[in-house]
């Protein structure tokens, strides 16, 4: 039985599409891997955006729509509507996942603003205040972890996550904080964050982490940081004791051997 022209054209169109689809998919994946093409907007973002916003995002206006949802999130922040802030900032980060400031601010709203707002709310029972504080700090951690999947070496996000691990959790996690600060330093952050990693490692009071903390702090001490950092001067003698550093190699012994190295000793001027 012979096919008419219309049926033949339909079959040819389907076959061509079937052949073309995997090729286009592979090409799109390569573009996404190189950062030249963003992932399609997820279903949860579509629901939050609404039909018009989602249509605009597909039309190449993702940045514009993200700016709008960001401004809406700021209005919700002013109203202390923390759930709405989180939803709108989620849409914003989905639309512009490589924009560091959106991840940074989204986490700040949850781990700092929302968490502190609930912690200070004396209309709530103490147990509920504590739970809401913990939940929102953990939400801030989740946001940063997600952002780091898109921007794994970004020092700003690494520093923010390390700071939350060190300062905002009800049970601080110095090991994780130190890891984040070291990664930030290795990716271009100020050398303060290498020292801050050492301060977190010091808190663990374990042999391996004491060795690591001692190496960092002693290096900065030898570079002259003792004149500026009371933390180094406080922690080094304790680390020397923990690690069993020989007395003649300890900081105080070195300062006695060379008085000019001591923080509070001034060189004597010749008598006239």
Protein backbone atom coordinates (compact mmCIF):
# COMPACT_ATOMS: atom_id res chain seq x y z
CA UNK A 1 0.00 0.00 0.00
CA UNK A 2 1.42 3.34 -1.06
CA UNK A 3 1.56 6.25 1.36
CA UNK A 4 0.15 9.57 0.26
CA UNK A 5 2.38 12.62 0.34
CA UNK A 6 1.03 13.99 3.62
CA UNK A 7 1.63 10.73 5.49
CA UNK A 8 5.11 10.43 4.05
CA UNK A 9 5.92 14.00 5.10
CA UNK A 10 4.71 13.34 8.67
CA UNK A 11 6.82 10.18 8.93
CA UNK A 12 9.88 12.01 7.59
CA UNK A 13 9.34 14.84 10.10
CA UNK A 14 9.09 12.41 13.05
CA UNK A 15 12.18 10.47 11.97
CA UNK A 16 14.18 13.67 11.50
CA UNK A 17 13.11 14.90 14.93
CA UNK A 18 14.07 11.60 16.56
CA UNK A 19 17.52 11.80 15.01
CA UNK A 20 17.98 15.49 15.83
CA UNK A 21 16.79 15.42 19.46
CA UNK A 22 19.72 13.50 21.02
CA UNK A 23 22.21 15.59 19.05
CA UNK A 24 20.63 18.82 20.33
CA UNK A 25 20.48 17.42 23.85
CA UNK A 26 24.20 16.58 23.81
CA UNK A 27 25.01 20.02 22.44
CA UNK A 28 22.88 21.73 25.12
CA UNK A 29 24.57 19.68 27.86
CA UNK A 30 27.99 20.80 26.60
CA UNK A 31 26.88 24.43 26.67
CA UNK A 32 25.52 24.05 30.21
CA UNK A 33 28.73 22.36 31.37
CA UNK A 34 30.77 25.28 30.04
CA UNK A 35 28.44 27.81 31.69
CA UNK A 36 27.21 29.22 28.40
CA UNK A 37 23.66 27.93 28.83
CA UNK A 38 21.65 27.78 32.05
CA UNK A 39 19.50 24.88 33.18
CA UNK A 40 15.78 25.18 32.43
CA UNK A 41 13.64 26.64 35.18
CA UNK A 42 12.33 23.89 37.49
CA UNK A 43 8.65 23.17 38.15
CA UNK A 44 8.77 24.68 41.63
CA UNK A 45 10.08 27.92 40.16
CA UNK A 46 7.38 27.89 37.48
CA UNK A 47 4.69 27.63 40.12
CA UNK A 48 6.20 30.52 42.09
CA UNK A 49 6.69 32.74 39.07
CA UNK A 50 3.24 32.39 37.59
CA UNK A 51 2.45 32.13 33.90
CA UNK A 52 3.63 35.58 32.80
CA UNK A 53 6.89 35.49 34.74
CA UNK A 54 7.70 31.99 33.58
CA UNK A 55 6.99 32.93 29.96
CA UNK A 56 9.31 35.92 30.32
CA UNK A 57 12.08 33.72 31.76
CA UNK A 58 11.85 31.43 28.74
CA UNK A 59 12.00 34.47 26.50
CA UNK A 60 15.53 35.29 27.66
CA UNK A 61 14.51 37.71 30.41
CA UNK A 62 15.69 35.59 33.32
CA UNK A 63 17.86 38.38 34.71
CA UNK A 64 14.98 40.87 34.60
CA UNK A 65 12.54 38.46 36.25
CA UNK A 66 15.16 37.64 38.91
CA UNK A 67 15.52 41.35 39.65
CA UNK A 68 11.74 41.63 40.08
CA UNK A 69 11.49 38.64 42.41
CA UNK A 70 14.49 39.96 44.36
CA UNK A 71 12.73 43.30 44.91
CA UNK A 72 9.57 41.46 45.93
CA UNK A 73 11.65 39.47 48.44
CA UNK A 74 12.99 42.73 49.88
CA UNK A 75 9.42 43.98 50.37
CA UNK A 76 8.57 40.72 52.14
CA UNK A 77 11.68 41.21 54.31
CA UNK A 78 10.39 44.64 55.35
CA UNK A 79 7.11 42.93 56.33
CA UNK A 80 9.07 40.19 58.18
CA UNK A 81 7.24 37.59 56.09
CA UNK A 82 10.08 35.08 56.25
CA UNK A 83 8.32 32.28 54.36
CA UNK A 84 7.62 34.60 51.44
CA UNK A 85 11.19 35.90 51.54
CA UNK A 86 12.49 32.33 51.26
CA UNK A 87 10.12 31.43 48.40
CA UNK A 88 10.96 34.54 46.37
CA UNK A 89 14.70 34.27 46.96
CA UNK A 90 14.50 30.62 45.90
CA UNK A 91 12.98 31.71 42.58
CA UNK A 92 15.62 34.43 42.27
CA UNK A 93 18.51 32.03 42.78
CA UNK A 94 16.95 29.48 40.42
CA UNK A 95 16.74 32.07 37.68
CA UNK A 96 20.29 33.40 38.22
CA UNK A 97 22.22 30.55 39.89
CA UNK A 98 25.63 32.05 39.07
CA UNK A 99 24.93 35.38 40.76
CA UNK A 100 26.81 35.19 44.08
CA UNK A 101 24.99 38.06 45.77
CA UNK A 102 21.60 36.31 45.47
CA UNK A 103 22.82 33.18 47.30
CA UNK A 104 24.61 35.31 49.88
CA UNK A 105 21.55 37.43 50.62
CA UNK A 106 19.12 34.50 50.57
CA UNK A 107 21.17 32.75 53.27
CA UNK A 108 21.59 35.96 55.27
CA UNK A 109 17.81 36.50 55.41
CA UNK A 110 17.27 33.03 56.86
CA UNK A 111 20.32 32.38 59.06
CA UNK A 112 20.49 35.91 60.47
CA UNK A 113 17.35 38.01 59.98
CA UNK A 114 14.65 35.36 60.31
CA UNK A 115 16.49 33.33 62.95
CA UNK A 116 17.17 36.39 65.13
CA UNK A 117 13.62 37.68 64.65
CA UNK A 118 12.14 34.47 66.03
CA UNK A 119 14.75 34.27 68.79
CA UNK A 120 13.73 37.73 70.06
CA UNK A 121 9.97 37.15 69.79
CA UNK A 122 8.87 36.99 73.45
CA UNK A 123 5.30 36.13 72.38
CA UNK A 124 6.56 32.62 71.55
CA UNK A 125 7.41 29.91 74.04
CA UNK A 126 11.15 29.52 74.66
CA UNK A 127 11.22 26.02 73.15
CA UNK A 128 9.49 27.22 69.99
CA UNK A 129 11.80 30.23 69.71
CA UNK A 130 14.78 27.90 69.95
CA UNK A 131 13.37 25.55 67.30
CA UNK A 132 12.54 28.34 64.86
CA UNK A 133 15.98 29.85 65.34
CA UNK A 134 17.63 26.48 64.65
CA UNK A 135 15.43 25.73 61.64
CA UNK A 136 16.17 29.05 59.95
CA UNK A 137 19.90 28.88 60.59
CA UNK A 138 19.90 25.41 59.05
CA UNK A 139 17.93 26.77 56.11
CA UNK A 140 20.67 29.37 55.62
CA UNK A 141 23.22 26.54 55.54
CA UNK A 142 21.15 24.64 52.94
CA UNK A 143 20.98 27.72 50.70
CA UNK A 144 24.75 28.20 50.78
CA UNK A 145 25.41 24.52 50.15
CA UNK A 146 23.15 24.70 47.10
CA UNK A 147 24.87 27.86 45.90
CA UNK A 148 28.25 26.16 46.22
CA UNK A 149 27.07 23.43 43.85
CA UNK A 150 26.91 26.13 41.18
CA UNK A 151 29.91 28.14 42.44
CA UNK A 152 32.08 25.61 44.30
CA UNK A 153 35.16 27.81 44.72
CA UNK A 154 33.51 31.13 45.53
CA UNK A 155 35.25 32.59 48.60
CA UNK A 156 32.32 34.81 49.59
CA UNK A 157 29.95 31.86 49.92
CA UNK A 158 32.62 29.74 51.64
CA UNK A 159 33.28 32.49 54.19
CA UNK A 160 29.57 32.98 54.86
CA UNK A 161 29.08 29.23 55.40
CA UNK A 162 32.15 29.00 57.65
CA UNK A 163 30.88 31.93 59.71
CA UNK A 164 27.48 30.28 60.20
CA UNK A 165 29.16 27.01 61.26
CA UNK A 166 31.31 28.95 63.74
CA UNK A 167 28.86 31.53 65.10
CA UNK A 168 25.20 30.85 64.33
CA UNK A 169 24.57 27.18 65.07
CA UNK A 170 23.35 26.35 68.56
CA UNK A 171 26.11 23.73 68.58
CA UNK A 172 28.99 25.29 66.61
CA UNK A 173 30.94 23.06 64.22
CA UNK A 174 34.56 24.28 64.28
CA UNK A 175 35.80 21.46 62.03
CA UNK A 176 33.42 22.42 59.22
CA UNK A 177 34.05 26.12 59.83
CA UNK A 178 37.81 25.58 59.51
CA UNK A 179 37.31 23.63 56.28
CA UNK A 180 35.27 26.46 54.75
CA UNK A 181 37.73 29.17 55.84
CA UNK A 182 40.69 27.22 54.44
CA UNK A 183 38.89 26.65 51.14
CA UNK A 184 38.08 30.36 50.97
CA UNK A 185 41.72 31.28 51.61
CA UNK A 186 42.90 28.80 48.96
CA UNK A 187 40.52 30.46 46.49
CA UNK A 188 41.69 34.02 47.00
CA UNK A 189 40.26 35.21 50.34
CA UNK A 190 42.35 37.42 52.64
CA UNK A 191 44.94 35.59 54.77
CA UNK A 192 42.84 36.47 57.84
CA UNK A 193 40.71 33.46 56.92
CA UNK A 194 43.65 31.06 57.09
CA UNK A 195 44.28 32.32 60.61
CA UNK A 196 40.59 32.08 61.40
CA UNK A 197 40.66 28.44 60.24
CA UNK A 198 43.52 27.86 62.69
CA UNK A 199 41.50 29.41 65.53
CA UNK A 200 38.65 26.99 64.77
CA UNK A 201 41.04 24.00 64.59
CA UNK A 202 42.47 25.06 67.98
CA UNK A 203 39.01 24.61 69.54
CA UNK A 204 38.93 20.91 68.62
CA UNK A 205 41.85 20.03 70.94
CA UNK A 206 42.91 17.01 68.86
CA UNK A 207 46.49 16.11 68.00
CA UNK A 208 46.16 16.36 64.21
CA UNK A 209 44.19 19.60 64.26
CA UNK A 210 46.54 21.03 66.92
CA UNK A 211 49.48 20.34 64.59
CA UNK A 212 47.68 22.08 61.72
CA UNK A 213 46.69 25.05 63.88
CA UNK A 214 50.23 25.33 65.29
CA UNK A 215 51.82 25.33 61.82
CA UNK A 216 49.56 28.17 60.66
CA UNK A 217 49.82 30.32 63.78
CA UNK A 218 53.58 29.83 64.19
CA UNK A 219 54.10 30.83 60.56
CA UNK A 220 52.20 34.09 61.08
CA UNK A 221 53.97 34.63 64.41
CA UNK A 222 57.33 34.33 62.63
CA UNK A 223 56.11 36.85 60.05
CA UNK A 224 55.45 39.39 62.80
CA UNK A 225 51.74 38.82 63.44
CA UNK A 226 52.45 38.61 67.21
CA UNK A 227 52.53 42.40 67.22
CA UNK A 228 48.94 42.51 65.95
CA UNK A 229 47.20 39.32 67.05
CA UNK A 230 46.48 38.73 70.72
CA UNK A 231 44.74 35.48 69.69
CA UNK A 232 47.98 34.05 68.27
CA UNK A 233 49.90 35.09 71.37
CA UNK A 234 47.26 33.48 73.59
CA UNK A 235 46.89 30.24 71.61
CA UNK A 236 50.49 29.44 70.69
CA UNK A 237 51.74 28.68 74.24
CA UNK A 238 48.72 26.42 74.79
CA UNK A 239 49.42 24.56 71.55
CA UNK A 240 53.09 24.23 72.49
CA UNK A 241 52.04 22.62 75.76
CA UNK A 242 49.56 20.27 74.10
CA UNK A 243 52.06 19.20 71.44
CA UNK A 244 55.00 18.88 73.81
CA UNK A 245 57.18 21.40 71.98
CA UNK A 246 60.66 21.41 73.66
CA UNK A 247 60.97 24.35 76.09
CA UNK A 248 63.88 25.93 74.24
CA UNK A 249 61.81 26.05 71.01
CA UNK A 250 58.79 27.73 72.53
CA UNK A 251 57.71 31.28 71.79
CA UNK A 252 58.54 32.72 75.21
CA UNK A 253 62.01 31.15 75.14
CA UNK A 254 62.68 32.66 71.71
CA UNK A 255 61.61 36.08 72.99
CA UNK A 256 63.97 35.77 75.97
CA UNK A 257 66.82 34.85 73.63
CA UNK A 258 66.07 37.85 71.39
CA UNK A 259 64.49 40.69 73.46
CA UNK A 260 63.80 42.72 70.33
CA UNK A 261 61.18 40.11 69.37
CA UNK A 262 59.21 40.55 72.57
CA UNK A 263 55.99 42.54 72.01
CA UNK A 264 56.48 44.99 74.89
CA UNK A 265 60.27 45.43 74.84
CA UNK A 266 61.77 48.55 73.26
CA UNK A 267 65.43 48.68 72.15
CA UNK A 268 67.69 50.77 74.40
CA UNK A 269 69.04 53.97 72.92
CA UNK A 270 72.72 54.84 73.43
CA UNK A 271 73.40 57.24 76.33
CA UNK A 272 74.44 60.73 75.24
